[in-house]
Amino acid sequence: MNRQFYQACSEIPDQERKRDMGAFFQSIHGTLNHLLLTDLFRYLSDGNCVSNSSEL
């Protein structure tokens, strides 16, 4: 599901994606960052080892 969200957001211009929208994580960019970090922590907490970011 996150992959579809990232794909949709990739079409939004950078300046618009980073614009403060008054949301909990301020911007779409902040929300995407939160999703990435929580997915990474969940993945690593399952005992997986990541040798580089392309494995995520």
N, C-alpha and C. Protein backbone atom coordinates (compact mmCIF):
# COMPACT_ATOMS: atom_id res chain seq x y z
N MET A 1 0.83 -1.19 0.00
CA MET A 1 0.00 0.00 0.00
C MET A 1 0.88 1.26 0.00
N ASN A 2 1.93 1.28 0.80
CA ASN A 2 2.80 2.46 0.83
C ASN A 2 3.42 2.73 -0.53
N ARG A 3 3.73 1.67 -1.26
CA ARG A 3 4.33 1.85 -2.59
C ARG A 3 3.40 2.65 -3.50
N GLN A 4 2.12 2.38 -3.44
CA GLN A 4 1.15 3.13 -4.25
C GLN A 4 1.11 4.59 -3.80
N PHE A 5 1.19 4.80 -2.51
CA PHE A 5 1.19 6.15 -1.96
C PHE A 5 2.43 6.91 -2.42
N TYR A 6 3.61 6.26 -2.32
CA TYR A 6 4.85 6.89 -2.78
C TYR A 6 4.77 7.22 -4.26
N GLN A 7 4.22 6.30 -5.06
CA GLN A 7 4.10 6.53 -6.50
C GLN A 7 3.22 7.74 -6.79
N ALA A 8 2.09 7.83 -6.13
CA ALA A 8 1.19 8.97 -6.33
C ALA A 8 1.87 10.27 -5.93
N CYS A 9 2.61 10.24 -4.83
CA CYS A 9 3.27 11.45 -4.34
C CYS A 9 4.47 11.85 -5.19
N SER A 10 5.02 10.91 -5.94
CA SER A 10 6.17 11.24 -6.78
C SER A 10 5.79 12.20 -7.91
N GLU A 11 4.52 12.30 -8.19
CA GLU A 11 4.05 13.19 -9.25
C GLU A 11 3.79 14.61 -8.76
N ILE A 12 3.89 14.82 -7.45
CA ILE A 12 3.69 16.15 -6.87
C ILE A 12 5.02 16.90 -6.90
N PRO A 13 5.02 18.14 -7.37
CA PRO A 13 6.26 18.91 -7.40
C PRO A 13 6.88 19.01 -6.00
N ASP A 14 8.22 19.02 -5.95
CA ASP A 14 8.96 19.02 -4.69
C ASP A 14 8.51 20.14 -3.75
N GLN A 15 8.40 21.34 -4.26
CA GLN A 15 8.01 22.48 -3.41
C GLN A 15 6.62 22.27 -2.81
N GLU A 16 5.71 21.74 -3.58
CA GLU A 16 4.35 21.50 -3.09
C GLU A 16 4.33 20.36 -2.07
N ARG A 17 5.14 19.33 -2.32
CA ARG A 17 5.20 18.18 -1.41
C ARG A 17 5.75 18.58 -0.05
N LYS A 18 6.64 19.58 -0.02
CA LYS A 18 7.26 20.02 1.23
C LYS A 18 6.52 21.18 1.89
N ARG A 19 5.45 21.65 1.28
CA ARG A 19 4.70 22.78 1.82
C ARG A 19 3.99 22.38 3.12
N ASP A 20 4.09 23.25 4.13
CA ASP A 20 3.43 23.00 5.41
C ASP A 20 1.92 23.12 5.21
N MET A 21 1.23 22.02 5.48
CA MET A 21 -0.21 21.97 5.26
C MET A 21 -0.97 21.93 6.58
N GLY A 22 -0.25 22.14 7.69
CA GLY A 22 -0.90 22.14 8.99
C GLY A 22 -1.27 20.75 9.48
N ALA A 23 -0.75 19.73 8.84
CA ALA A 23 -1.02 18.36 9.24
C ALA A 23 -0.10 17.95 10.39
N PHE A 24 -0.32 16.77 10.95
CA PHE A 24 0.47 16.30 12.08
C PHE A 24 1.96 16.30 11.77
N PHE A 25 2.34 15.86 10.57
CA PHE A 25 3.75 15.84 10.15
C PHE A 25 4.06 17.02 9.23
N GLN A 26 3.28 18.07 9.33
CA GLN A 26 3.39 19.32 8.60
C GLN A 26 3.13 19.20 7.10
N SER A 27 3.83 18.32 6.41
CA SER A 27 3.74 18.27 4.95
C SER A 27 3.59 16.82 4.47
N ILE A 28 3.34 16.69 3.19
CA ILE A 28 3.31 15.35 2.59
C ILE A 28 4.69 14.71 2.74
N HIS A 29 5.72 15.52 2.53
CA HIS A 29 7.10 15.04 2.67
C HIS A 29 7.35 14.49 4.09
N GLY A 30 6.89 15.22 5.10
CA GLY A 30 7.04 14.77 6.48
C GLY A 30 6.30 13.46 6.74
N THR A 31 5.13 13.32 6.15
CA THR A 31 4.37 12.08 6.29
C THR A 31 5.08 10.92 5.62
N LEU A 32 5.62 11.16 4.41
CA LEU A 32 6.37 10.11 3.71
C LEU A 32 7.60 9.70 4.52
N ASN A 33 8.29 10.66 5.10
CA ASN A 33 9.45 10.37 5.93
C ASN A 33 9.04 9.50 7.13
N HIS A 34 7.94 9.84 7.75
CA HIS A 34 7.44 9.05 8.88
C HIS A 34 7.14 7.61 8.46
N LEU A 35 6.47 7.44 7.32
CA LEU A 35 6.16 6.09 6.84
C LEU A 35 7.43 5.29 6.56
N LEU A 36 8.41 5.94 5.93
CA LEU A 36 9.66 5.26 5.63
C LEU A 36 10.36 4.81 6.91
N LEU A 37 10.45 5.69 7.90
CA LEU A 37 11.13 5.34 9.14
C LEU A 37 10.39 4.25 9.91
N THR A 38 9.07 4.32 9.97
CA THR A 38 8.33 3.28 10.71
C THR A 38 8.44 1.94 9.99
N ASP A 39 8.41 1.94 8.65
CA ASP A 39 8.61 0.69 7.91
C ASP A 39 10.01 0.12 8.17
N LEU A 40 11.00 1.00 8.17
CA LEU A 40 12.38 0.57 8.41
C LEU A 40 12.52 -0.02 9.82
N PHE A 41 11.99 0.67 10.82
CA PHE A 41 12.07 0.15 12.19
C PHE A 41 11.34 -1.18 12.33
N ARG A 42 10.18 -1.29 11.70
CA ARG A 42 9.42 -2.55 11.77
C ARG A 42 10.22 -3.67 11.11
N TYR A 43 10.81 -3.38 9.96
CA TYR A 43 11.60 -4.37 9.23
C TYR A 43 12.79 -4.83 10.07
N LEU A 44 13.51 -3.87 10.64
CA LEU A 44 14.70 -4.21 11.44
C LEU A 44 14.33 -4.91 12.74
N SER A 45 13.20 -4.57 13.32
CA SER A 45 12.79 -5.21 14.57
C SER A 45 12.38 -6.67 14.37
N ASP A 46 12.12 -7.05 13.12
CA ASP A 46 11.80 -8.45 12.81
C ASP A 46 13.05 -9.30 12.65
N GLY A 47 14.23 -8.71 12.93
CA GLY A 47 15.48 -9.45 12.85
C GLY A 47 16.13 -9.43 11.49
N ASN A 48 15.64 -8.61 10.60
CA ASN A 48 16.23 -8.52 9.27
C ASN A 48 17.47 -7.61 9.31
N CYS A 49 18.39 -7.88 8.46
CA CYS A 49 19.60 -7.07 8.36
C CYS A 49 19.63 -6.42 6.99
N VAL A 50 19.86 -5.12 6.96
CA VAL A 50 19.89 -4.38 5.71
C VAL A 50 21.33 -3.96 5.46
N SER A 51 21.89 -4.35 4.30
CA SER A 51 23.26 -3.97 4.00
C SER A 51 23.32 -2.67 3.20
N ASN A 52 22.22 -2.33 2.50
CA ASN A 52 22.15 -1.05 1.80
C ASN A 52 20.69 -0.69 1.56
N SER A 53 20.46 0.60 1.27
CA SER A 53 19.08 1.08 1.16
C SER A 53 18.30 0.47 0.01
N SER A 54 18.97 -0.09 -0.99
CA SER A 54 18.23 -0.68 -2.12
C SER A 54 17.50 -1.96 -1.71
N GLU A 55 17.83 -2.50 -0.55
CA GLU A 55 17.15 -3.71 -0.08
C GLU A 55 15.82 -3.42 0.58
N LEU A 56 15.53 -2.14 0.83
CA LEU A 56 14.28 -1.80 1.53
C LEU A 56 13.10 -1.86 0.62
